[in-house]
Amino acid sequence: MRLLSFLPLPVLWALGTVFGALFHLFPSKIKKTALINAGLCFPELGKDGQASLVRRHFHSLGVSILCYGLGWWSSPARLHRLIKFRDRRYYDDAIAAGKSIIVFAPHFLALDITGITLSSERLYISMYRASRNRLIDRMLKRRAQYGAVLFERKSNLKALIRHLREGRPFYYLPDQDPGGAESVFVPFFGVPAATVTALSRIAKMTNAAVIPCYNRILPWGRGFEVRFEEPLKDFPSGDLEKDARRMNGEIEQAIRQNPEQYLWGYRRFKTRPAGSPQVY
């Protein structure tokens, strides 16, 4: 990864596309999960359309894997040359107003580079899921190379709340299956999904602006696009289930604009409502 980070982005894009295409040829848990997720979320595409979506996803996945080193070892100047921001005014205006900010960033494939680039500008808070593999865990902690405070997903929120109130933006990826703890079942592409309620709870405790942030890998190695949207209005509402439904709805809209670059290899529907069959 360190050596790959020195290559020009068009070269990484080409190598990653080939790597992803080769990866797609062989059976794997990731491919199986992606096909199941595509079937659940896009039944209107039919089997052929779902298979095509997963094939394109693997091309982008290959690029994202080979680009991890860019985020972990590139200078802030290079990262900013690679990223094209859209509608950044929503984010910059909230910073200028001195608001607490939650950058609401679902699991699109360029999420690491986006988070690291933003954290190179000011002190940040980020969250990650600890890995049992010590090397992988150590590499994930490269997200903190510019001074970001990392919180393990299951850690206590008190310190995180304190940092948010002190003015550190929080780069938050809430579209994960949290199991049964502090979650509600609400639709995600029409399928009941265990969904975290922490986004609205944290926003309420800190009076934070929740700013959607979506990223994508541009074709032919032209860089990465990071798009901000207007802070969510009337959020939180005081109703945790309603807020979770809205959060999933926002994520769905973003995915439909860029379906092949969402993290379909993640088992989003692992936790099921009582009496429902397992899907994986």
C-alpha atoms as a PDB file:
ATOM      1  CA  MET A   1       0.000   0.000   0.000  1.00  0.00           C
ATOM      2  CA  ARG A   2       2.865   2.346   0.822  1.00  0.00           C
ATOM      3  CA  LEU A   3       4.504   1.729  -2.558  1.00  0.00           C
ATOM      4  CA  LEU A   4       1.207   1.997  -4.446  1.00  0.00           C
ATOM      5  CA  SER A   5       0.598   5.417  -2.898  1.00  0.00           C
ATOM      6  CA  PHE A   6       3.436   6.832  -5.034  1.00  0.00           C
ATOM      7  CA  LEU A   7       1.727   5.891  -8.319  1.00  0.00           C
ATOM      8  CA  PRO A   8      -0.289   8.437 -10.322  1.00  0.00           C
ATOM      9  CA  LEU A   9      -4.027   8.100  -9.770  1.00  0.00           C
ATOM     10  CA  PRO A  10      -4.835   7.135 -13.409  1.00  0.00           C
ATOM     11  CA  VAL A  11      -2.438   4.182 -13.042  1.00  0.00           C
ATOM     12  CA  LEU A  12      -4.064   3.157  -9.746  1.00  0.00           C
ATOM     13  CA  TRP A  13      -7.495   3.446 -11.347  1.00  0.00           C
ATOM     14  CA  ALA A  14      -6.493   1.155 -14.232  1.00  0.00           C
ATOM     15  CA  LEU A  15      -4.785  -1.402 -11.980  1.00  0.00           C
ATOM     16  CA  GLY A  16      -7.673  -1.303  -9.495  1.00  0.00           C
ATOM     17  CA  THR A  17     -10.282  -1.856 -12.202  1.00  0.00           C
ATOM     18  CA  VAL A  18      -8.396  -4.915 -13.458  1.00  0.00           C
ATOM     19  CA  PHE A  19      -7.887  -6.167  -9.894  1.00  0.00           C
ATOM     20  CA  GLY A  20     -11.597  -5.759  -9.148  1.00  0.00           C
ATOM     21  CA  ALA A  21     -12.584  -7.547 -12.354  1.00  0.00           C
ATOM     22  CA  LEU A  22     -10.309 -10.479 -11.470  1.00  0.00           C
ATOM     23  CA  PHE A  23     -11.580 -10.516  -7.881  1.00  0.00           C
ATOM     24  CA  HIS A  24     -15.133 -10.715  -9.241  1.00  0.00           C
ATOM     25  CA  LEU A  25     -14.356 -13.849 -11.259  1.00  0.00           C
ATOM     26  CA  PHE A  26     -13.860 -16.007  -8.177  1.00  0.00           C
ATOM     27  CA  PRO A  27     -16.380 -17.045  -5.502  1.00  0.00           C
ATOM     28  CA  SER A  28     -16.043 -15.122  -2.252  1.00  0.00           C
ATOM     29  CA  LYS A  29     -18.082 -14.171   0.799  1.00  0.00           C
ATOM     30  CA  ILE A  30     -18.011 -10.540  -0.348  1.00  0.00           C
ATOM     31  CA  LYS A  31     -19.409 -11.415  -3.777  1.00  0.00           C
ATOM     32  CA  LYS A  32     -22.087 -13.657  -2.282  1.00  0.00           C
ATOM     33  CA  THR A  33     -23.128 -10.930   0.174  1.00  0.00           C
ATOM     34  CA  ALA A  34     -23.159  -8.270  -2.553  1.00  0.00           C
ATOM     35  CA  LEU A  35     -25.436 -10.397  -4.760  1.00  0.00           C
ATOM     36  CA  ILE A  36     -27.832 -11.020  -1.875  1.00  0.00           C
ATOM     37  CA  ASN A  37     -27.910  -7.312  -1.021  1.00  0.00           C
ATOM     38  CA  ALA A  38     -28.495  -6.364  -4.657  1.00  0.00           C
ATOM     39  CA  GLY A  39     -31.382  -8.831  -4.818  1.00  0.00           C
ATOM     40  CA  LEU A  40     -32.958  -7.434  -1.664  1.00  0.00           C
ATOM     41  CA  CYS A  41     -32.494  -3.756  -2.507  1.00  0.00           C
ATOM     42  CA  PHE A  42     -33.020  -3.749  -6.285  1.00  0.00           C
ATOM     43  CA  PRO A  43     -35.583  -6.461  -7.126  1.00  0.00           C
ATOM     44  CA  GLU A  44     -36.738  -4.344 -10.077  1.00  0.00           C
ATOM     45  CA  LEU A  45     -33.385  -4.918 -11.825  1.00  0.00           C
ATOM     46  CA  GLY A  46     -33.897  -8.666 -12.154  1.00  0.00           C
ATOM     47  CA  LYS A  47     -31.081 -11.211 -11.867  1.00  0.00           C
ATOM     48  CA  ASP A  48     -29.124  -9.879 -14.846  1.00  0.00           C
ATOM     49  CA  GLY A  49     -29.314  -6.263 -13.675  1.00  0.00           C
ATOM     50  CA  GLN A  50     -28.293  -7.224 -10.152  1.00  0.00           C
ATOM     51  CA  ALA A  51     -25.326  -9.228 -11.464  1.00  0.00           C
ATOM     52  CA  SER A  52     -24.297  -6.246 -13.612  1.00  0.00           C
ATOM     53  CA  LEU A  53     -24.489  -3.922 -10.601  1.00  0.00           C
ATOM     54  CA  VAL A  54     -22.276  -6.245  -8.547  1.00  0.00           C
ATOM     55  CA  ARG A  55     -19.781  -6.568 -11.406  1.00  0.00           C
ATOM     56  CA  ARG A  56     -19.475  -2.762 -11.645  1.00  0.00           C
ATOM     57  CA  HIS A  57     -19.246  -2.586  -7.874  1.00  0.00           C
ATOM     58  CA  PHE A  58     -16.228  -4.905  -7.894  1.00  0.00           C
ATOM     59  CA  HIS A  59     -14.476  -2.700 -10.450  1.00  0.00           C
ATOM     60  CA  SER A  60     -14.900   0.293  -8.122  1.00  0.00           C
ATOM     61  CA  LEU A  61     -14.041  -1.817  -5.082  1.00  0.00           C
ATOM     62  CA  GLY A  62     -10.733  -2.808  -6.658  1.00  0.00           C
ATOM     63  CA  VAL A  63      -9.882   0.852  -7.254  1.00  0.00           C
ATOM     64  CA  SER A  64     -10.824   1.803  -3.693  1.00  0.00           C
ATOM     65  CA  ILE A  65      -8.644  -0.964  -2.198  1.00  0.00           C
ATOM     66  CA  LEU A  66      -5.567   0.103  -4.168  1.00  0.00           C
ATOM     67  CA  CYS A  67      -6.225   3.748  -3.232  1.00  0.00           C
ATOM     68  CA  TYR A  68      -6.208   3.212   0.535  1.00  0.00           C
ATOM     69  CA  GLY A  69      -2.513   4.055   0.611  1.00  0.00           C
ATOM     70  CA  LEU A  70      -3.242   7.476  -0.898  1.00  0.00           C
ATOM     71  CA  GLY A  71      -5.272   8.413   2.156  1.00  0.00           C
ATOM     72  CA  TRP A  72      -2.878   6.881   4.615  1.00  0.00           C
ATOM     73  CA  TRP A  73       0.401   8.344   3.314  1.00  0.00           C
ATOM     74  CA  SER A  74      -0.263  11.267   0.933  1.00  0.00           C
ATOM     75  CA  SER A  75       0.368  14.834   1.995  1.00  0.00           C
ATOM     76  CA  PRO A  76      -2.612  17.131   2.612  1.00  0.00           C
ATOM     77  CA  ALA A  77      -1.627  19.107  -0.494  1.00  0.00           C
ATOM     78  CA  ARG A  78      -1.834  16.016  -2.704  1.00  0.00           C
ATOM     79  CA  LEU A  79      -5.119  14.906  -1.158  1.00  0.00           C
ATOM     80  CA  HIS A  80      -6.682  18.287  -1.866  1.00  0.00           C
ATOM     81  CA  ARG A  81      -5.462  18.143  -5.479  1.00  0.00           C
ATOM     82  CA  LEU A  82      -7.189  14.782  -5.902  1.00  0.00           C
ATOM     83  CA  ILE A  83     -10.529  15.796  -4.400  1.00  0.00           C
ATOM     84  CA  LYS A  84     -13.151  17.948  -6.077  1.00  0.00           C
ATOM     85  CA  PHE A  85     -15.600  19.428  -3.575  1.00  0.00           C
ATOM     86  CA  ARG A  86     -19.186  20.231  -4.532  1.00  0.00           C
ATOM     87  CA  ASP A  87     -21.474  22.521  -2.523  1.00  0.00           C
ATOM     88  CA  ARG A  88     -18.845  22.820   0.180  1.00  0.00           C
ATOM     89  CA  ARG A  89     -20.475  26.067   1.299  1.00  0.00           C
ATOM     90  CA  TYR A  90     -22.900  24.133   3.510  1.00  0.00           C
ATOM     91  CA  TYR A  91     -19.975  22.740   5.481  1.00  0.00           C
ATOM     92  CA  ASP A  92     -17.863  25.909   5.472  1.00  0.00           C
ATOM     93  CA  ASP A  93     -20.802  28.081   6.571  1.00  0.00           C
ATOM     94  CA  ALA A  94     -21.471  25.806   9.546  1.00  0.00           C
ATOM     95  CA  ILE A  95     -17.778  25.951  10.494  1.00  0.00           C
ATOM     96  CA  ALA A  96     -17.775  29.748  10.216  1.00  0.00           C
ATOM     97  CA  ALA A  97     -20.902  29.957  12.397  1.00  0.00           C
ATOM     98  CA  GLY A  98     -19.148  28.024  15.146  1.00  0.00           C
ATOM     99  CA  LYS A  99     -21.703  25.196  15.120  1.00  0.00           C
ATOM    100  CA  SER A 100     -21.135  21.659  16.297  1.00  0.00           C
ATOM    101  CA  ILE A 101     -21.047  19.561  13.130  1.00  0.00           C
ATOM    102  CA  ILE A 102     -21.798  15.937  12.341  1.00  0.00           C
ATOM    103  CA  VAL A 103     -20.620  15.055   8.848  1.00  0.00           C
ATOM    104  CA  PHE A 104     -23.115  12.331   7.916  1.00  0.00           C
ATOM    105  CA  ALA A 105     -21.108  10.056   5.608  1.00  0.00           C
ATOM    106  CA  PRO A 106     -22.571   6.685   4.525  1.00  0.00           C
ATOM    107  CA  HIS A 107     -20.329   3.827   3.409  1.00  0.00           C
ATOM    108  CA  PHE A 108     -19.375   4.812  -0.108  1.00  0.00           C
ATOM    109  CA  LEU A 109     -16.013   3.501  -1.285  1.00  0.00           C
ATOM    110  CA  ALA A 110     -14.009   6.739  -1.060  1.00  0.00           C
ATOM    111  CA  LEU A 111     -14.978   7.390   2.559  1.00  0.00           C
ATOM    112  CA  ASP A 112     -11.452   6.987   3.978  1.00  0.00           C
ATOM    113  CA  ILE A 113      -9.807   9.489   1.671  1.00  0.00           C
ATOM    114  CA  THR A 114     -12.645  11.957   2.285  1.00  0.00           C
ATOM    115  CA  GLY A 115     -12.433  11.690   6.066  1.00  0.00           C
ATOM    116  CA  ILE A 116      -8.637  11.906   6.172  1.00  0.00           C
ATOM    117  CA  THR A 117      -8.622  14.936   3.861  1.00  0.00           C
ATOM    118  CA  LEU A 118     -11.161  16.787   6.018  1.00  0.00           C
ATOM    119  CA  SER A 119      -9.220  15.894   9.167  1.00  0.00           C
ATOM    120  CA  SER A 120      -6.074  17.402   7.638  1.00  0.00           C
ATOM    121  CA  GLU A 121      -7.811  20.808   7.730  1.00  0.00           C
ATOM    122  CA  ARG A 122      -8.843  20.861  11.403  1.00  0.00           C
ATOM    123  CA  LEU A 123      -9.028  18.608  14.439  1.00  0.00           C
ATOM    124  CA  TYR A 124     -11.644  15.919  13.850  1.00  0.00           C
ATOM    125  CA  ILE A 125     -13.506  13.054  15.477  1.00  0.00           C
ATOM    126  CA  SER A 126     -13.922   9.779  13.648  1.00  0.00           C
ATOM    127  CA  MET A 127     -15.245   6.322  14.419  1.00  0.00           C
ATOM    128  CA  TYR A 128     -13.992   2.915  13.394  1.00  0.00           C
ATOM    129  CA  ARG A 129     -14.652  -0.732  14.075  1.00  0.00           C
ATOM    130  CA  ALA A 130     -11.751  -2.553  15.724  1.00  0.00           C
ATOM    131  CA  SER A 131     -10.383  -5.521  13.794  1.00  0.00           C
ATOM    132  CA  ARG A 132      -9.139  -8.751  15.336  1.00  0.00           C
ATOM    133  CA  ASN A 133      -6.325  -8.629  12.791  1.00  0.00           C
ATOM    134  CA  ARG A 134      -3.671  -6.432  14.405  1.00  0.00           C
ATOM    135  CA  LEU A 135      -2.194  -5.286  11.091  1.00  0.00           C
ATOM    136  CA  ILE A 136      -5.603  -4.262   9.711  1.00  0.00           C
ATOM    137  CA  ASP A 137      -6.442  -2.530  12.994  1.00  0.00           C
ATOM    138  CA  ARG A 138      -3.179  -0.611  12.882  1.00  0.00           C
ATOM    139  CA  MET A 139      -3.794   0.438   9.288  1.00  0.00           C
ATOM    140  CA  LEU A 140      -7.341   1.607  10.055  1.00  0.00           C
ATOM    141  CA  LYS A 141      -5.883   3.843  12.738  1.00  0.00           C
ATOM    142  CA  ARG A 142      -4.040   5.714   9.980  1.00  0.00           C
ATOM    143  CA  ARG A 143      -7.284   7.696   9.843  1.00  0.00           C
ATOM    144  CA  ALA A 144      -5.902   9.572  12.845  1.00  0.00           C
ATOM    145  CA  GLN A 145      -2.625  10.606  11.199  1.00  0.00           C
ATOM    146  CA  TYR A 146      -3.561  14.313  11.262  1.00  0.00           C
ATOM    147  CA  GLY A 147      -4.688  14.361  14.873  1.00  0.00           C
ATOM    148  CA  ALA A 148      -8.234  13.005  14.584  1.00  0.00           C
ATOM    149  CA  VAL A 149      -9.600  11.399  17.745  1.00  0.00           C
ATOM    150  CA  LEU A 150     -10.736   7.858  16.937  1.00  0.00           C
ATOM    151  CA  PHE A 151     -13.586   6.180  18.798  1.00  0.00           C
ATOM    152  CA  GLU A 152     -14.258   2.469  18.540  1.00  0.00           C
ATOM    153  CA  ARG A 153     -17.843   1.908  17.426  1.00  0.00           C
ATOM    154  CA  LYS A 154     -18.936   0.341  20.724  1.00  0.00           C
ATOM    155  CA  SER A 155     -17.121   2.802  22.997  1.00  0.00           C
ATOM    156  CA  ASN A 156     -18.758   5.185  25.469  1.00  0.00           C
ATOM    157  CA  LEU A 157     -20.093   8.376  23.873  1.00  0.00           C
ATOM    158  CA  LYS A 158     -19.324  10.791  26.722  1.00  0.00           C
ATOM    159  CA  ALA A 159     -15.854  11.789  25.513  1.00  0.00           C
ATOM    160  CA  LEU A 160     -17.126  12.038  21.925  1.00  0.00           C
ATOM    161  CA  ILE A 161     -19.872  14.442  23.031  1.00  0.00           C
ATOM    162  CA  ARG A 162     -17.318  16.556  24.861  1.00  0.00           C
ATOM    163  CA  HIS A 163     -15.092  16.826  21.775  1.00  0.00           C
ATOM    164  CA  LEU A 164     -18.091  17.749  19.607  1.00  0.00           C
ATOM    165  CA  ARG A 165     -19.068  20.512  21.998  1.00  0.00           C
ATOM    166  CA  GLU A 166     -15.484  21.785  21.889  1.00  0.00           C
ATOM    167  CA  GLY A 167     -15.798  22.347  18.141  1.00  0.00           C
ATOM    168  CA  ARG A 168     -14.367  19.221  16.533  1.00  0.00           C
ATOM    169  CA  PRO A 169     -16.480  18.037  13.565  1.00  0.00           C
ATOM    170  CA  PHE A 170     -17.538  14.389  13.775  1.00  0.00           C
ATOM    171  CA  TYR A 171     -17.114  12.253  10.643  1.00  0.00           C
ATOM    172  CA  TYR A 172     -19.839   9.692  11.288  1.00  0.00           C
ATOM    173  CA  LEU A 173     -20.713   6.539   9.320  1.00  0.00           C
ATOM    174  CA  PRO A 174     -24.000   5.414  10.885  1.00  0.00           C
ATOM    175  CA  ASP A 175     -25.251   2.968   8.231  1.00  0.00           C
ATOM    176  CA  GLN A 176     -24.114  -0.192   9.999  1.00  0.00           C
ATOM    177  CA  ASP A 177     -25.917  -3.112  11.580  1.00  0.00           C
ATOM    178  CA  PRO A 178     -25.484  -2.483  15.327  1.00  0.00           C
ATOM    179  CA  GLY A 179     -27.074  -5.739  16.415  1.00  0.00           C
ATOM    180  CA  GLY A 180     -29.856  -5.477  18.959  1.00  0.00           C
ATOM    181  CA  ALA A 181     -28.305  -2.758  21.122  1.00  0.00           C
ATOM    182  CA  GLU A 182     -29.900   0.701  20.873  1.00  0.00           C
ATOM    183  CA  SER A 183     -31.327   0.068  17.414  1.00  0.00           C
ATOM    184  CA  VAL A 184     -34.716   0.050  15.746  1.00  0.00           C
ATOM    185  CA  PHE A 185     -35.981  -1.883  12.755  1.00  0.00           C
ATOM    186  CA  VAL A 186     -36.872   0.513   9.960  1.00  0.00           C
ATOM    187  CA  PRO A 187     -36.948   0.014   6.174  1.00  0.00           C
ATOM    188  CA  PHE A 188     -33.813   0.224   4.077  1.00  0.00           C
ATOM    189  CA  PHE A 189     -34.816  -0.243   0.428  1.00  0.00           C
ATOM    190  CA  GLY A 190     -38.041  -1.688   1.789  1.00  0.00           C
ATOM    191  CA  VAL A 191     -36.284  -4.340   3.905  1.00  0.00           C
ATOM    192  CA  PRO A 192     -36.464  -4.120   7.735  1.00  0.00           C
ATOM    193  CA  ALA A 193     -32.940  -3.235   8.880  1.00  0.00           C
ATOM    194  CA  ALA A 194     -31.514  -2.849  12.372  1.00  0.00           C
ATOM    195  CA  THR A 195     -30.590   0.833  12.394  1.00  0.00           C
ATOM    196  CA  VAL A 196     -28.640   2.920  14.904  1.00  0.00           C
ATOM    197  CA  THR A 197     -30.395   5.772  16.689  1.00  0.00           C
ATOM    198  CA  ALA A 198     -27.135   7.419  17.754  1.00  0.00           C
ATOM    199  CA  LEU A 199     -27.188  10.037  14.983  1.00  0.00           C
ATOM    200  CA  SER A 200     -30.292  11.774  16.308  1.00  0.00           C
ATOM    201  CA  ARG A 201     -29.284  11.228  19.966  1.00  0.00           C
ATOM    202  CA  ILE A 202     -25.858  12.804  19.464  1.00  0.00           C
ATOM    203  CA  ALA A 203     -27.317  15.652  17.393  1.00  0.00           C
ATOM    204  CA  LYS A 204     -29.815  16.385  20.167  1.00  0.00           C
ATOM    205  CA  MET A 205     -27.190  16.355  22.945  1.00  0.00           C
ATOM    206  CA  THR A 206     -24.848  18.707  21.057  1.00  0.00           C
ATOM    207  CA  ASN A 207     -27.311  20.788  19.011  1.00  0.00           C
ATOM    208  CA  ALA A 208     -25.183  19.816  16.010  1.00  0.00           C
ATOM    209  CA  ALA A 209     -25.835  20.528  12.356  1.00  0.00           C
ATOM    210  CA  VAL A 210     -26.094  17.195  10.504  1.00  0.00           C
ATOM    211  CA  ILE A 211     -24.552  17.701   7.070  1.00  0.00           C
ATOM    212  CA  PRO A 212     -24.829  14.867   4.503  1.00  0.00           C
ATOM    213  CA  CYS A 213     -21.544  14.120   2.741  1.00  0.00           C
ATOM    214  CA  TYR A 214     -21.346  11.724  -0.193  1.00  0.00           C
ATOM    215  CA  ASN A 215     -18.228  10.706  -2.085  1.00  0.00           C
ATOM    216  CA  ARG A 216     -17.436   8.882  -5.293  1.00  0.00           C
ATOM    217  CA  ILE A 217     -14.455   7.731  -7.300  1.00  0.00           C
ATOM    218  CA  LEU A 218     -14.336   9.557 -10.624  1.00  0.00           C
ATOM    219  CA  PRO A 219     -13.672   7.464 -13.759  1.00  0.00           C
ATOM    220  CA  TRP A 220     -10.296   7.218 -15.505  1.00  0.00           C
ATOM    221  CA  GLY A 221      -8.364   8.337 -12.429  1.00  0.00           C
ATOM    222  CA  ARG A 222      -9.679  11.904 -12.550  1.00  0.00           C
ATOM    223  CA  GLY A 223      -9.847  12.054  -8.757  1.00  0.00           C
ATOM    224  CA  PHE A 224     -12.592  11.880  -6.167  1.00  0.00           C
ATOM    225  CA  GLU A 225     -15.746  13.929  -5.790  1.00  0.00           C
ATOM    226  CA  VAL A 226     -17.062  14.929  -2.363  1.00  0.00           C
ATOM    227  CA  ARG A 227     -20.541  16.436  -2.309  1.00  0.00           C
ATOM    228  CA  PHE A 228     -22.079  18.170   0.670  1.00  0.00           C
ATOM    229  CA  GLU A 229     -25.789  18.790   1.049  1.00  0.00           C
ATOM    230  CA  GLU A 230     -27.789  21.275   3.082  1.00  0.00           C
ATOM    231  CA  PRO A 231     -27.910  20.433   6.814  1.00  0.00           C
ATOM    232  CA  LEU A 232     -30.904  18.255   7.636  1.00  0.00           C
ATOM    233  CA  LYS A 233     -33.858  20.412   8.658  1.00  0.00           C
ATOM    234  CA  ASP A 234     -36.006  19.585  11.699  1.00  0.00           C
ATOM    235  CA  PHE A 235     -33.519  16.931  12.728  1.00  0.00           C
ATOM    236  CA  PRO A 236     -33.611  15.436  15.273  1.00  0.00           C
ATOM    237  CA  SER A 237     -37.375  15.343  15.591  1.00  0.00           C
ATOM    238  CA  GLY A 238     -37.560  13.863  19.089  1.00  0.00           C
ATOM    239  CA  ASP A 239     -38.797  10.545  17.703  1.00  0.00           C
ATOM    240  CA  LEU A 240     -35.903   8.064  17.376  1.00  0.00           C
ATOM    241  CA  GLU A 241     -37.713   5.733  14.983  1.00  0.00           C
ATOM    242  CA  LYS A 242     -38.833   8.583  12.735  1.00  0.00           C
ATOM    243  CA  ASP A 243     -35.279   9.928  12.623  1.00  0.00           C
ATOM    244  CA  ALA A 244     -33.879   6.472  11.789  1.00  0.00           C
ATOM    245  CA  ARG A 245     -36.383   6.158   8.934  1.00  0.00           C
ATOM    246  CA  ARG A 246     -35.364   9.544   7.612  1.00  0.00           C
ATOM    247  CA  MET A 247     -31.672   8.699   7.868  1.00  0.00           C
ATOM    248  CA  ASN A 248     -32.138   5.503   5.853  1.00  0.00           C
ATOM    249  CA  GLY A 249     -34.228   7.418   3.322  1.00  0.00           C
ATOM    250  CA  GLU A 250     -31.438   9.958   2.828  1.00  0.00           C
ATOM    251  CA  ILE A 251     -28.929   7.157   2.327  1.00  0.00           C
ATOM    252  CA  GLU A 252     -31.198   5.411  -0.189  1.00  0.00           C
ATOM    253  CA  GLN A 253     -31.492   8.561  -2.295  1.00  0.00           C
ATOM    254  CA  ALA A 254     -27.712   8.946  -2.379  1.00  0.00           C
ATOM    255  CA  ILE A 255     -27.172   5.286  -3.279  1.00  0.00           C
ATOM    256  CA  ARG A 256     -29.603   5.469  -6.205  1.00  0.00           C
ATOM    257  CA  GLN A 257     -27.437   8.228  -7.684  1.00  0.00           C
ATOM    258  CA  ASN A 258     -24.262   6.153  -7.354  1.00  0.00           C
ATOM    259  CA  PRO A 259     -25.291   2.511  -6.759  1.00  0.00           C
ATOM    260  CA  GLU A 260     -22.122   0.693  -7.770  1.00  0.00           C
ATOM    261  CA  GLN A 261     -19.953   2.541  -5.245  1.00  0.00           C
ATOM    262  CA  TYR A 262     -21.849   1.678  -2.081  1.00  0.00           C
ATOM    263  CA  LEU A 263     -20.340  -0.990   0.191  1.00  0.00           C
ATOM    264  CA  TRP A 264     -22.521  -3.908  -0.911  1.00  0.00           C
ATOM    265  CA  GLY A 265     -20.165  -6.514   0.535  1.00  0.00           C
ATOM    266  CA  TYR A 266     -21.244  -5.507   4.051  1.00  0.00           C
ATOM    267  CA  ARG A 267     -23.943  -7.666   5.689  1.00  0.00           C
ATOM    268  CA  ARG A 268     -26.361  -4.816   6.328  1.00  0.00           C
ATOM    269  CA  PHE A 269     -29.304  -7.132   7.047  1.00  0.00           C
ATOM    270  CA  LYS A 270     -27.505  -9.568   9.359  1.00  0.00           C
ATOM    271  CA  THR A 271     -29.725  -8.764  12.373  1.00  0.00           C
ATOM    272  CA  ARG A 272     -33.305  -9.732  11.619  1.00  0.00           C
ATOM    273  CA  PRO A 273     -36.633  -9.029  13.321  1.00  0.00           C
ATOM    274  CA  ALA A 274     -37.848 -11.794  15.614  1.00  0.00           C
ATOM    275  CA  GLY A 275     -39.182 -14.725  13.601  1.00  0.00           C
ATOM    276  CA  SER A 276     -37.671 -13.531  10.289  1.00  0.00           C
ATOM    277  CA  PRO A 277     -35.382 -15.901   8.335  1.00  0.00           C
ATOM    278  CA  GLN A 278     -31.696 -15.149   7.954  1.00  0.00           C
ATOM    279  CA  VAL A 279     -30.710 -13.795   4.557  1.00  0.00           C
ATOM    280  CA  TYR A 280     -26.963 -14.521   4.476  1.00  0.00           C
END
